[in-house]
Every structure is written in structure tokens, then in C-alpha cells.
N, C-alpha and C. Protein backbone atom coordinates (compact mmCIF):
# COMPACT_ATOMS: atom_id res chain seq x y z
N MET A 1 0.86 -1.20 0.00
CA MET A 1 0.00 0.00 0.00
C MET A 1 0.89 1.25 0.00
N ASP A 2 0.65 2.14 -1.01
CA ASP A 2 1.52 3.30 -1.09
C ASP A 2 1.10 4.37 -0.09
N GLU A 3 1.93 5.40 0.02
CA GLU A 3 1.71 6.47 1.01
C GLU A 3 0.46 7.28 0.73
N ASN A 4 0.15 7.51 -0.58
CA ASN A 4 -1.05 8.28 -0.93
C ASN A 4 -2.32 7.58 -0.49
N THR A 5 -2.36 6.28 -0.71
CA THR A 5 -3.54 5.50 -0.29
C THR A 5 -3.72 5.55 1.22
N THR A 6 -2.61 5.43 1.91
CA THR A 6 -2.67 5.48 3.39
C THR A 6 -3.19 6.84 3.87
N ASN A 7 -2.70 7.91 3.22
CA ASN A 7 -3.14 9.26 3.60
C ASN A 7 -4.62 9.47 3.32
N LYS A 8 -5.09 8.94 2.17
CA LYS A 8 -6.50 9.08 1.82
C LYS A 8 -7.38 8.37 2.85
N LYS A 9 -6.99 7.15 3.23
CA LYS A 9 -7.77 6.41 4.22
C LYS A 9 -7.76 7.13 5.56
N SER A 10 -6.60 7.71 5.89
CA SER A 10 -6.51 8.45 7.15
C SER A 10 -7.41 9.67 7.13
N ASN A 11 -7.42 10.38 5.99
CA ASN A 11 -8.28 11.56 5.85
C ASN A 11 -9.76 11.19 5.91
N LEU A 12 -10.10 10.09 5.23
CA LEU A 12 -11.50 9.63 5.25
C LEU A 12 -11.92 9.25 6.66
N GLY A 13 -10.98 8.63 7.39
CA GLY A 13 -11.28 8.26 8.77
C GLY A 13 -11.53 9.48 9.64
N CYS A 14 -10.71 10.51 9.44
CA CYS A 14 -10.88 11.76 10.21
C CYS A 14 -12.20 12.44 9.88
N LEU A 15 -12.53 12.46 8.57
CA LEU A 15 -13.80 13.08 8.15
C LEU A 15 -14.99 12.33 8.71
N SER A 16 -14.88 11.00 8.69
CA SER A 16 -15.98 10.19 9.23
C SER A 16 -16.16 10.44 10.72
N GLU A 17 -15.04 10.52 11.44
CA GLU A 17 -15.12 10.78 12.88
C GLU A 17 -15.69 12.18 13.15
N LEU A 18 -15.26 13.16 12.33
CA LEU A 18 -15.78 14.52 12.48
C LEU A 18 -17.28 14.57 12.23
N ALA A 19 -17.71 13.85 11.19
CA ALA A 19 -19.15 13.80 10.86
C ALA A 19 -19.94 13.19 12.01
N GLN A 20 -19.39 12.16 12.64
CA GLN A 20 -20.06 11.53 13.77
C GLN A 20 -20.17 12.49 14.95
N TRP A 21 -19.10 13.26 15.19
CA TRP A 21 -19.14 14.25 16.27
C TRP A 21 -20.18 15.33 15.99
N ILE A 22 -20.22 15.82 14.76
CA ILE A 22 -21.20 16.85 14.40
C ILE A 22 -22.62 16.31 14.56
N GLN A 23 -22.84 15.07 14.13
CA GLN A 23 -24.16 14.45 14.26
C GLN A 23 -24.56 14.33 15.73
N ALA A 24 -23.60 13.91 16.56
CA ALA A 24 -23.90 13.76 18.00
C ALA A 24 -24.23 15.10 18.64
N ILE A 25 -23.48 16.15 18.25
CA ILE A 25 -23.72 17.48 18.79
C ILE A 25 -25.09 18.00 18.36
N LEU A 26 -25.44 17.80 17.10
CA LEU A 26 -26.75 18.25 16.60
C LEU A 26 -27.89 17.52 17.30
N ILE A 27 -27.74 16.22 17.49
CA ILE A 27 -28.78 15.45 18.19
C ILE A 27 -28.93 15.93 19.63
N ALA A 28 -27.78 16.16 20.29
CA ALA A 28 -27.83 16.66 21.67
C ALA A 28 -28.50 18.02 21.74
N ALA A 29 -28.20 18.90 20.75
CA ALA A 29 -28.80 20.24 20.73
C ALA A 29 -30.31 20.16 20.53
N VAL A 30 -30.75 19.29 19.63
CA VAL A 30 -32.19 19.13 19.39
C VAL A 30 -32.89 18.61 20.64
N ILE A 31 -32.27 17.61 21.29
CA ILE A 31 -32.86 17.07 22.52
C ILE A 31 -32.96 18.15 23.59
N ALA A 32 -31.89 18.95 23.72
CA ALA A 32 -31.90 20.04 24.72
C ALA A 32 -33.00 21.05 24.43
N LEU A 33 -33.19 21.39 23.16
CA LEU A 33 -34.24 22.34 22.79
C LEU A 33 -35.62 21.77 23.05
N LEU A 34 -35.80 20.49 22.77
CA LEU A 34 -37.10 19.85 23.02
C LEU A 34 -37.40 19.82 24.51
N ILE A 35 -36.39 19.52 25.32
CA ILE A 35 -36.58 19.51 26.78
C ILE A 35 -36.96 20.90 27.25
N ARG A 36 -36.25 21.91 26.76
CA ARG A 36 -36.55 23.29 27.16
C ARG A 36 -37.93 23.71 26.69
N GLY A 37 -38.30 23.31 25.50
CA GLY A 37 -39.57 23.75 24.93
C GLY A 37 -40.78 23.07 25.53
N PHE A 38 -40.64 21.80 25.95
CA PHE A 38 -41.83 21.05 26.33
C PHE A 38 -41.78 20.41 27.72
N ILE A 39 -40.63 20.40 28.38
CA ILE A 39 -40.56 19.70 29.68
C ILE A 39 -40.06 20.62 30.79
N PHE A 40 -38.81 21.04 30.73
CA PHE A 40 -38.24 21.88 31.78
C PHE A 40 -37.59 23.12 31.16
N GLU A 41 -37.71 24.25 31.87
CA GLU A 41 -37.06 25.47 31.42
C GLU A 41 -36.57 26.27 32.63
N PRO A 42 -35.31 26.72 32.62
CA PRO A 42 -34.84 27.60 33.71
C PRO A 42 -35.42 29.00 33.54
N VAL A 43 -35.87 29.59 34.64
CA VAL A 43 -36.49 30.91 34.60
C VAL A 43 -35.89 31.77 35.70
N GLU A 44 -35.57 33.01 35.36
CA GLU A 44 -35.09 33.95 36.37
C GLU A 44 -36.24 34.84 36.83
N VAL A 45 -36.37 34.98 38.12
CA VAL A 45 -37.40 35.84 38.70
C VAL A 45 -36.94 37.30 38.61
N ILE A 46 -37.80 38.13 38.07
CA ILE A 46 -37.50 39.56 37.99
C ILE A 46 -38.61 40.33 38.70
N GLY A 47 -38.25 41.12 39.70
CA GLY A 47 -39.24 41.90 40.41
C GLY A 47 -39.55 41.38 41.80
N GLU A 48 -40.39 42.11 42.51
CA GLU A 48 -40.67 41.85 43.92
C GLU A 48 -42.04 41.24 44.17
N SER A 49 -42.79 40.93 43.13
CA SER A 49 -44.20 40.57 43.32
C SER A 49 -44.43 39.24 44.02
N MET A 50 -43.40 38.36 44.08
CA MET A 50 -43.59 37.07 44.74
C MET A 50 -42.85 36.97 46.07
N GLU A 51 -42.37 38.09 46.60
CA GLU A 51 -41.76 38.06 47.93
C GLU A 51 -42.82 37.74 48.98
N ASN A 52 -42.52 36.99 50.02
CA ASN A 52 -41.20 36.51 50.38
C ASN A 52 -40.90 35.10 49.88
N THR A 53 -41.75 34.56 49.03
CA THR A 53 -41.51 33.22 48.49
C THR A 53 -40.34 33.22 47.53
N LEU A 54 -40.33 34.18 46.60
CA LEU A 54 -39.28 34.31 45.60
C LEU A 54 -38.80 35.75 45.53
N HIS A 55 -37.50 35.91 45.37
CA HIS A 55 -36.92 37.24 45.29
C HIS A 55 -36.31 37.45 43.90
N THR A 56 -36.19 38.72 43.52
CA THR A 56 -35.65 39.03 42.20
C THR A 56 -34.25 38.43 42.03
N HIS A 57 -34.02 37.91 40.82
CA HIS A 57 -32.77 37.28 40.39
C HIS A 57 -32.60 35.86 40.91
N GLN A 58 -33.55 35.37 41.70
CA GLN A 58 -33.52 33.94 41.99
C GLN A 58 -33.91 33.17 40.72
N LYS A 59 -33.47 31.92 40.64
CA LYS A 59 -33.73 31.13 39.45
C LYS A 59 -34.47 29.85 39.81
N VAL A 60 -35.48 29.53 39.00
CA VAL A 60 -36.32 28.37 39.28
C VAL A 60 -36.45 27.50 38.02
N ILE A 61 -36.87 26.27 38.25
CA ILE A 61 -37.15 25.34 37.15
C ILE A 61 -38.65 25.36 36.88
N LEU A 62 -39.00 25.60 35.62
CA LEU A 62 -40.38 25.61 35.19
C LEU A 62 -40.70 24.25 34.57
N TYR A 63 -41.72 23.57 35.12
CA TYR A 63 -42.14 22.27 34.58
C TYR A 63 -43.32 22.50 33.65
N LYS A 64 -43.13 22.20 32.37
CA LYS A 64 -44.12 22.53 31.35
C LYS A 64 -45.04 21.36 30.98
N LEU A 65 -44.56 20.15 31.14
CA LEU A 65 -45.29 19.00 30.61
C LEU A 65 -46.60 18.73 31.33
N GLY A 66 -46.62 18.99 32.65
CA GLY A 66 -47.77 18.60 33.46
C GLY A 66 -49.09 19.17 32.99
N TYR A 67 -49.11 20.44 32.58
CA TYR A 67 -50.37 21.08 32.21
C TYR A 67 -50.91 20.62 30.85
N TYR A 68 -50.17 19.75 30.16
CA TYR A 68 -50.73 19.10 28.98
C TYR A 68 -51.72 18.02 29.38
N PHE A 69 -51.63 17.55 30.65
CA PHE A 69 -52.45 16.43 31.10
C PHE A 69 -53.46 16.81 32.19
N TYR A 70 -53.20 17.89 32.91
CA TYR A 70 -54.13 18.32 33.95
C TYR A 70 -54.11 19.84 34.04
N SER A 71 -55.15 20.38 34.66
CA SER A 71 -55.29 21.83 34.75
C SER A 71 -54.53 22.37 35.96
N PRO A 72 -54.19 23.66 35.94
CA PRO A 72 -53.55 24.27 37.11
C PRO A 72 -54.41 24.12 38.36
N GLN A 73 -53.76 23.97 39.49
CA GLN A 73 -54.45 23.79 40.77
C GLN A 73 -54.23 25.01 41.66
N ARG A 74 -55.13 25.21 42.62
CA ARG A 74 -54.95 26.29 43.58
C ARG A 74 -53.62 26.12 44.30
N GLY A 75 -52.89 27.22 44.42
CA GLY A 75 -51.61 27.18 45.10
C GLY A 75 -50.42 27.00 44.18
N ASP A 76 -50.65 26.58 42.94
CA ASP A 76 -49.54 26.43 41.99
C ASP A 76 -48.86 27.78 41.73
N ILE A 77 -47.55 27.79 41.70
CA ILE A 77 -46.81 28.96 41.26
C ILE A 77 -46.53 28.78 39.77
N ILE A 78 -47.02 29.70 38.96
CA ILE A 78 -46.97 29.53 37.52
C ILE A 78 -46.25 30.70 36.85
N VAL A 79 -45.77 30.44 35.64
CA VAL A 79 -45.28 31.51 34.77
C VAL A 79 -46.29 31.66 33.64
N LEU A 80 -46.74 32.88 33.43
CA LEU A 80 -47.74 33.14 32.40
C LEU A 80 -47.25 34.23 31.46
N GLN A 81 -47.67 34.11 30.23
CA GLN A 81 -47.26 35.07 29.21
C GLN A 81 -48.25 36.22 29.15
N ILE A 82 -47.74 37.42 29.37
CA ILE A 82 -48.57 38.62 29.32
C ILE A 82 -48.51 39.26 27.94
N GLN A 83 -47.33 39.25 27.34
CA GLN A 83 -47.16 39.84 26.01
C GLN A 83 -46.26 38.94 25.17
N GLU A 84 -46.70 38.60 23.97
CA GLU A 84 -45.91 37.76 23.09
C GLU A 84 -44.73 38.55 22.53
N GLY A 85 -43.61 37.86 22.35
CA GLY A 85 -42.48 38.46 21.67
C GLY A 85 -42.56 38.17 20.18
N TRP A 86 -41.55 38.62 19.43
CA TRP A 86 -41.55 38.37 17.99
C TRP A 86 -40.13 38.45 17.46
N LEU A 87 -39.90 37.81 16.33
CA LEU A 87 -38.61 37.82 15.67
C LEU A 87 -38.78 38.43 14.29
N SER A 88 -38.46 39.70 14.17
CA SER A 88 -38.70 40.41 12.92
C SER A 88 -37.81 39.91 11.78
N PHE A 89 -36.65 39.33 12.14
CA PHE A 89 -35.72 38.92 11.09
C PHE A 89 -35.97 37.49 10.59
N ILE A 90 -36.93 36.78 11.17
CA ILE A 90 -37.30 35.44 10.69
C ILE A 90 -38.75 35.49 10.22
N PRO A 91 -39.01 35.49 8.91
CA PRO A 91 -40.38 35.59 8.41
C PRO A 91 -41.27 34.47 8.94
N PHE A 92 -42.46 34.84 9.40
CA PHE A 92 -43.49 33.91 9.86
C PHE A 92 -43.10 33.14 11.12
N ALA A 93 -41.98 33.49 11.78
CA ALA A 93 -41.57 32.74 12.98
C ALA A 93 -42.61 32.82 14.07
N ASP A 94 -43.29 33.99 14.16
CA ASP A 94 -44.29 34.15 15.21
C ASP A 94 -45.54 33.32 14.96
N LYS A 95 -45.64 32.69 13.78
CA LYS A 95 -46.79 31.85 13.46
C LYS A 95 -46.55 30.38 13.77
N ILE A 96 -45.34 30.05 14.20
CA ILE A 96 -44.98 28.65 14.44
C ILE A 96 -44.85 28.42 15.94
N PRO A 97 -45.86 27.78 16.57
CA PRO A 97 -45.83 27.58 18.03
C PRO A 97 -44.59 26.85 18.52
N PHE A 98 -44.09 25.90 17.72
CA PHE A 98 -42.93 25.11 18.16
C PHE A 98 -41.73 26.02 18.41
N ILE A 99 -41.49 26.98 17.50
CA ILE A 99 -40.35 27.88 17.66
C ILE A 99 -40.51 28.73 18.91
N LYS A 100 -41.73 29.20 19.16
CA LYS A 100 -41.96 30.06 20.32
C LYS A 100 -41.81 29.31 21.64
N LYS A 101 -42.03 28.00 21.62
CA LYS A 101 -41.88 27.23 22.84
C LYS A 101 -40.42 26.97 23.18
N ILE A 102 -39.57 26.92 22.16
CA ILE A 102 -38.17 26.59 22.39
C ILE A 102 -37.46 27.70 23.15
N TYR A 103 -37.73 28.95 22.77
CA TYR A 103 -37.02 30.05 23.42
C TYR A 103 -37.88 31.31 23.35
N PRO A 104 -37.96 32.07 24.45
CA PRO A 104 -38.78 33.30 24.43
C PRO A 104 -38.28 34.28 23.38
N PHE A 105 -39.20 34.85 22.63
CA PHE A 105 -38.85 35.86 21.65
C PHE A 105 -38.52 37.19 22.34
N PRO A 106 -37.72 38.04 21.67
CA PRO A 106 -37.48 39.38 22.22
C PRO A 106 -38.79 40.12 22.46
N GLU A 107 -38.85 40.88 23.53
CA GLU A 107 -40.00 41.68 23.93
C GLU A 107 -41.13 40.86 24.55
N GLU A 108 -40.93 39.55 24.71
CA GLU A 108 -41.94 38.77 25.43
C GLU A 108 -41.92 39.18 26.90
N ILE A 109 -43.11 39.30 27.49
CA ILE A 109 -43.23 39.65 28.90
C ILE A 109 -43.94 38.52 29.63
N ASP A 110 -43.29 37.96 30.63
CA ASP A 110 -43.86 36.88 31.44
C ASP A 110 -43.99 37.34 32.88
N TYR A 111 -45.02 36.85 33.56
CA TYR A 111 -45.20 37.09 34.99
C TYR A 111 -45.11 35.75 35.71
N ILE A 112 -44.64 35.80 36.95
CA ILE A 112 -44.70 34.63 37.81
C ILE A 112 -45.65 34.95 38.96
N LYS A 113 -46.68 34.12 39.13
CA LYS A 113 -47.74 34.38 40.11
C LYS A 113 -48.21 33.07 40.73
N ARG A 114 -49.12 33.19 41.70
CA ARG A 114 -49.70 32.01 42.34
C ARG A 114 -51.17 31.88 41.95
N VAL A 115 -51.57 30.67 41.59
CA VAL A 115 -52.98 30.42 41.27
C VAL A 115 -53.78 30.41 42.57
N ILE A 116 -54.79 31.27 42.61
CA ILE A 116 -55.64 31.37 43.80
C ILE A 116 -56.99 30.71 43.60
N ALA A 117 -57.49 30.78 42.38
CA ALA A 117 -58.80 30.19 42.11
C ALA A 117 -58.83 29.64 40.68
N VAL A 118 -59.63 28.59 40.49
CA VAL A 118 -59.73 27.89 39.21
C VAL A 118 -61.17 28.00 38.71
N PRO A 119 -61.45 27.54 37.49
CA PRO A 119 -62.80 27.71 36.94
C PRO A 119 -63.91 27.23 37.88
N GLY A 120 -64.92 28.08 38.03
CA GLY A 120 -66.06 27.77 38.89
C GLY A 120 -65.94 28.29 40.30
N ASP A 121 -64.73 28.65 40.73
CA ASP A 121 -64.52 29.20 42.07
C ASP A 121 -65.04 30.64 42.14
N THR A 122 -65.56 31.00 43.30
CA THR A 122 -65.98 32.38 43.54
C THR A 122 -64.98 33.05 44.47
N ILE A 123 -64.45 34.18 44.00
CA ILE A 123 -63.41 34.93 44.73
C ILE A 123 -64.02 36.17 45.38
N ASP A 124 -63.65 36.40 46.63
CA ASP A 124 -64.02 37.63 47.30
C ASP A 124 -62.78 38.19 48.00
N ILE A 125 -62.64 39.49 47.99
CA ILE A 125 -61.53 40.17 48.67
C ILE A 125 -62.13 41.22 49.59
N LYS A 126 -61.91 41.05 50.87
CA LYS A 126 -62.46 42.01 51.82
C LYS A 126 -61.64 42.01 53.10
N ASP A 127 -61.57 43.19 53.72
CA ASP A 127 -60.86 43.35 54.99
C ASP A 127 -59.40 42.91 54.91
N GLY A 128 -58.81 42.96 53.71
CA GLY A 128 -57.40 42.62 53.57
C GLY A 128 -57.12 41.14 53.38
N TYR A 129 -58.18 40.35 53.15
CA TYR A 129 -58.01 38.91 53.01
C TYR A 129 -58.74 38.40 51.77
N VAL A 130 -58.40 37.17 51.37
CA VAL A 130 -59.00 36.53 50.21
C VAL A 130 -59.91 35.39 50.66
N TYR A 131 -61.07 35.32 50.03
CA TYR A 131 -62.02 34.25 50.31
C TYR A 131 -62.31 33.51 49.01
N VAL A 132 -62.28 32.19 49.07
CA VAL A 132 -62.62 31.35 47.91
C VAL A 132 -63.79 30.47 48.29
N ASN A 133 -64.86 30.61 47.54
CA ASN A 133 -66.09 29.84 47.80
C ASN A 133 -66.58 30.03 49.24
N GLY A 134 -66.44 31.26 49.71
CA GLY A 134 -66.95 31.61 51.03
C GLY A 134 -66.02 31.32 52.19
N GLU A 135 -64.86 30.70 51.92
CA GLU A 135 -63.93 30.36 52.99
C GLU A 135 -62.68 31.23 52.91
N LYS A 136 -62.28 31.78 54.05
CA LYS A 136 -61.08 32.60 54.11
C LYS A 136 -59.84 31.73 53.89
N LEU A 137 -58.97 32.16 52.97
CA LEU A 137 -57.76 31.39 52.70
C LEU A 137 -56.73 31.59 53.80
N GLU A 138 -56.09 30.50 54.18
CA GLU A 138 -54.94 30.57 55.07
C GLU A 138 -53.71 30.66 54.17
N GLU A 139 -53.04 31.81 54.19
CA GLU A 139 -51.95 32.05 53.26
C GLU A 139 -50.69 32.49 54.01
N PRO A 140 -49.96 31.54 54.56
CA PRO A 140 -48.76 31.90 55.33
C PRO A 140 -47.65 32.51 54.47
N TYR A 141 -47.75 32.35 53.15
CA TYR A 141 -46.73 32.86 52.24
C TYR A 141 -46.94 34.34 51.89
N VAL A 142 -48.04 34.93 52.28
CA VAL A 142 -48.37 36.29 51.85
C VAL A 142 -47.56 37.34 52.59
N LYS A 143 -47.14 38.35 51.82
CA LYS A 143 -46.50 39.53 52.38
C LYS A 143 -47.46 40.70 52.20
N GLY A 144 -47.83 41.34 53.29
CA GLY A 144 -48.78 42.45 53.22
C GLY A 144 -50.22 41.96 53.23
N ARG A 145 -51.15 42.89 53.06
CA ARG A 145 -52.58 42.56 53.03
C ARG A 145 -53.10 42.65 51.61
N THR A 146 -54.23 42.00 51.37
CA THR A 146 -54.80 41.92 50.03
C THR A 146 -55.98 42.86 49.91
N PHE A 147 -55.90 43.78 48.94
CA PHE A 147 -56.99 44.72 48.72
C PHE A 147 -57.43 44.67 47.26
N ALA A 148 -58.71 44.84 47.05
CA ALA A 148 -59.24 44.86 45.68
C ALA A 148 -58.77 46.11 44.95
N ARG A 149 -58.74 46.03 43.63
CA ARG A 149 -58.36 47.18 42.81
C ARG A 149 -59.50 47.46 41.83
N ASN A 150 -59.33 47.00 40.59
CA ASN A 150 -60.38 47.24 39.59
C ASN A 150 -61.55 46.29 39.80
N GLY A 151 -62.75 46.73 39.48
CA GLY A 151 -63.92 45.87 39.55
C GLY A 151 -64.45 45.71 40.95
N SER A 152 -65.47 44.89 41.06
CA SER A 152 -66.11 44.63 42.36
C SER A 152 -66.14 43.13 42.61
N TYR A 153 -66.22 42.79 43.87
CA TYR A 153 -66.21 41.39 44.29
C TYR A 153 -67.46 41.11 45.10
N PRO A 154 -67.88 39.82 45.15
CA PRO A 154 -67.23 38.60 44.64
C PRO A 154 -67.39 38.43 43.12
N VAL A 155 -66.49 37.63 42.53
CA VAL A 155 -66.55 37.28 41.12
C VAL A 155 -66.31 35.78 40.99
N THR A 156 -66.83 35.21 39.90
CA THR A 156 -66.66 33.77 39.65
C THR A 156 -65.72 33.57 38.47
N VAL A 157 -64.78 32.65 38.63
CA VAL A 157 -63.80 32.39 37.57
C VAL A 157 -64.46 31.67 36.40
N PRO A 158 -64.37 32.22 35.20
CA PRO A 158 -64.99 31.59 34.02
C PRO A 158 -64.27 30.31 33.61
N PRO A 159 -64.87 29.53 32.71
CA PRO A 159 -64.21 28.32 32.19
C PRO A 159 -62.89 28.66 31.51
N ASP A 160 -61.92 27.77 31.66
CA ASP A 160 -60.62 27.88 31.00
C ASP A 160 -59.81 29.11 31.44
N LYS A 161 -60.13 29.66 32.62
CA LYS A 161 -59.39 30.80 33.16
C LYS A 161 -58.92 30.46 34.57
N VAL A 162 -57.99 31.26 35.08
CA VAL A 162 -57.60 31.17 36.48
C VAL A 162 -57.47 32.57 37.03
N PHE A 163 -57.53 32.68 38.34
CA PHE A 163 -57.35 33.95 39.06
C PHE A 163 -56.02 33.84 39.78
N VAL A 164 -55.10 34.78 39.51
CA VAL A 164 -53.76 34.70 40.10
C VAL A 164 -53.45 35.95 40.91
N LEU A 165 -52.60 35.77 41.92
CA LEU A 165 -52.11 36.88 42.73
C LEU A 165 -50.63 36.68 42.98
N GLY A 166 -49.91 37.78 43.17
CA GLY A 166 -48.54 37.70 43.66
C GLY A 166 -48.56 37.54 45.17
N ASP A 167 -47.54 36.91 45.71
CA ASP A 167 -47.49 36.74 47.17
C ASP A 167 -47.25 38.07 47.88
N ASN A 168 -46.60 39.00 47.22
CA ASN A 168 -46.39 40.33 47.77
C ASN A 168 -47.60 41.18 47.39
N ARG A 169 -48.67 41.06 48.15
CA ARG A 169 -49.97 41.56 47.75
C ARG A 169 -50.06 43.07 47.55
N GLU A 170 -49.20 43.81 48.19
CA GLU A 170 -49.27 45.26 48.05
C GLU A 170 -48.33 45.79 46.96
N ASN A 171 -47.64 44.87 46.29
CA ASN A 171 -46.72 45.28 45.23
C ASN A 171 -46.71 44.22 44.13
N SER A 172 -47.88 43.99 43.55
CA SER A 172 -48.00 42.96 42.52
C SER A 172 -49.07 43.35 41.50
N SER A 173 -48.71 43.22 40.22
CA SER A 173 -49.68 43.34 39.14
C SER A 173 -50.21 41.95 38.85
N ASP A 174 -51.51 41.74 39.08
CA ASP A 174 -52.08 40.40 38.97
C ASP A 174 -53.54 40.48 38.55
N SER A 175 -54.32 39.45 38.85
CA SER A 175 -55.70 39.40 38.36
C SER A 175 -56.57 40.52 38.91
N ARG A 176 -56.13 41.19 39.94
CA ARG A 176 -56.89 42.33 40.45
C ARG A 176 -56.92 43.48 39.46
N ASN A 177 -55.89 43.57 38.60
CA ASN A 177 -55.89 44.65 37.62
C ASN A 177 -55.78 44.18 36.17
N ILE A 178 -55.28 42.95 35.94
CA ILE A 178 -55.20 42.47 34.55
C ILE A 178 -56.27 41.43 34.24
N GLY A 179 -57.08 41.08 35.24
CA GLY A 179 -58.20 40.18 35.00
C GLY A 179 -57.84 38.71 35.05
N PHE A 180 -58.82 37.88 34.71
CA PHE A 180 -58.60 36.43 34.69
C PHE A 180 -57.56 36.07 33.62
N ILE A 181 -56.84 34.99 33.87
CA ILE A 181 -55.78 34.56 32.96
C ILE A 181 -56.24 33.34 32.18
N ASP A 182 -56.17 33.45 30.86
CA ASP A 182 -56.49 32.31 30.00
C ASP A 182 -55.45 31.21 30.23
N GLN A 183 -55.93 29.99 30.42
CA GLN A 183 -55.01 28.88 30.70
C GLN A 183 -54.04 28.64 29.55
N LYS A 184 -54.39 29.06 28.35
CA LYS A 184 -53.48 28.90 27.21
C LYS A 184 -52.23 29.77 27.36
N ARG A 185 -52.31 30.79 28.20
CA ARG A 185 -51.16 31.68 28.40
C ARG A 185 -50.21 31.17 29.49
N ILE A 186 -50.58 30.09 30.16
CA ILE A 186 -49.73 29.55 31.22
C ILE A 186 -48.63 28.70 30.59
N LYS A 187 -47.38 29.04 30.86
CA LYS A 187 -46.25 28.34 30.26
C LYS A 187 -45.84 27.11 31.07
N GLY A 188 -46.13 27.12 32.37
CA GLY A 188 -45.77 25.98 33.19
C GLY A 188 -45.79 26.30 34.67
N LYS A 189 -45.45 25.30 35.46
CA LYS A 189 -45.46 25.43 36.92
C LYS A 189 -44.03 25.52 37.44
N ALA A 190 -43.76 26.52 38.25
CA ALA A 190 -42.45 26.66 38.89
C ALA A 190 -42.38 25.66 40.04
N VAL A 191 -41.44 24.72 39.95
CA VAL A 191 -41.43 23.61 40.91
C VAL A 191 -40.19 23.57 41.79
N PHE A 192 -39.09 24.20 41.35
CA PHE A 192 -37.83 24.03 42.08
C PHE A 192 -36.96 25.27 41.95
N ARG A 193 -36.45 25.75 43.08
CA ARG A 193 -35.51 26.87 43.06
C ARG A 193 -34.09 26.29 43.09
N PHE A 194 -33.27 26.68 42.07
CA PHE A 194 -31.91 26.15 42.02
C PHE A 194 -30.84 27.22 42.23
N TRP A 195 -31.27 28.48 42.35
CA TRP A 195 -30.32 29.55 42.64
C TRP A 195 -31.01 30.62 43.48
N PRO A 196 -30.37 31.08 44.55
CA PRO A 196 -29.02 30.74 45.01
C PRO A 196 -28.97 29.37 45.67
N PHE A 197 -27.77 28.79 45.73
CA PHE A 197 -27.62 27.46 46.29
C PHE A 197 -28.03 27.41 47.76
N SER A 198 -27.91 28.53 48.45
CA SER A 198 -28.27 28.56 49.87
C SER A 198 -29.77 28.38 50.09
N GLU A 199 -30.57 28.59 49.04
CA GLU A 199 -32.02 28.47 49.17
C GLU A 199 -32.59 27.43 48.20
N ILE A 200 -31.76 26.52 47.77
CA ILE A 200 -32.20 25.51 46.82
C ILE A 200 -33.28 24.63 47.44
N GLY A 201 -34.29 24.28 46.64
CA GLY A 201 -35.33 23.42 47.17
C GLY A 201 -36.64 23.49 46.40
N VAL A 202 -37.57 22.63 46.76
CA VAL A 202 -38.90 22.55 46.12
C VAL A 202 -39.71 23.77 46.53
N LEU A 203 -40.47 24.32 45.58
CA LEU A 203 -41.31 25.49 45.85
C LEU A 203 -42.66 25.05 46.37
N LYS A 204 -43.19 25.85 47.31
CA LYS A 204 -44.50 25.57 47.89
C LYS A 204 -45.34 26.85 47.87
């Protein structure tokens, strides 16, 4: 076997190995995007509306898959989309739900809040407290007192909607001023805080 043949085989071997590495990297990237889009997503908390449960710049894991099989429950901490983002440099990207699930578009605005009432529940806010179906909620996580803003109470949650509040009741934009939240706008349930490490743990 001459030297040229040996070099060609060596080059082909290197190219084949490189192709395998590229394929493995692409598969890993696709799997990572699918996990982020449909199962788990890291989210950074911005703002004070969920104090003292969550503080700004803390990071949590958002579990997305569960709400494909069951509806949000009272007490769930959720991330909901208030304003859709968009990608002006990719034509029709905003029309493809799969792309939007993989990564938030620029200018997207999300809120993190707690589900207080689900479809069919009657909400009342009086004397600084929340009542659901006539019963006063025991809310050890609340900071401050709860007061009504827009509209009058009691109100009943319509089908396919939820009523959400921030835990920091005196400093939160929530269903008291933005109304009931369509369940289609819920991106997932915040289940685990992973940053800072000193406060790592399951969210309640």
C-alpha cells in the first residue's frame, strides 16, 4: 500500500469521525431544545411581586409537561405570558408555536404568580383577606394585606381561566388589575428553586 492511499484512508477516517461528532452534537442540541420547549425550562425571577416566596434574580425550574395532562391547581406557582415576543428577522416565525416554545422571543413579557382560584370558584376580597367559595384562605406565604383594585367582588372564575395573585400583595400586578388569565397563556409550573444554592429546594 503506497503512502497516498494510506493518507486518503486516514483523511477519510478523520472526516468520518468529524461527521459523527457533528451528528452527535446536533442530536444533543435538538434534545436540549425539546426539553426546554416542552418539559423543563430555567427561569429567572425579575421583580418583587412574589416576595417573600421568591426574590428578584432567583432562578427556578419551570415544569411545562404537566399542564398538557391536567389543569392548574390552587396554590400552583406559575409563569404566564402577558405579552408575546416576535422575531422580525425570521419571516413567519411568530406563526410557528414550536419555535416560540423553544425560546422566548425578544420583547416577550412573562409574569410569575400564584394560582388562587380555578374555573367555577368564587373569589371575594375584603378586609385585607382573600375568600374562595366563602372560605377565608390561610396564606402563610403572603407579604402584606390583600386589597381589591379594579372591579367589584365577589366574582366567579370563568371556564378555561384562572385567578392569580402575587405573594407580595401590596406590590403585585395580577388578576386584580389584569383580570382572569387564559389557561393557554400559562407556560408551566415553577417547581424548584436552584439559585441561590443557599435556598435551593422545592417550591410551595
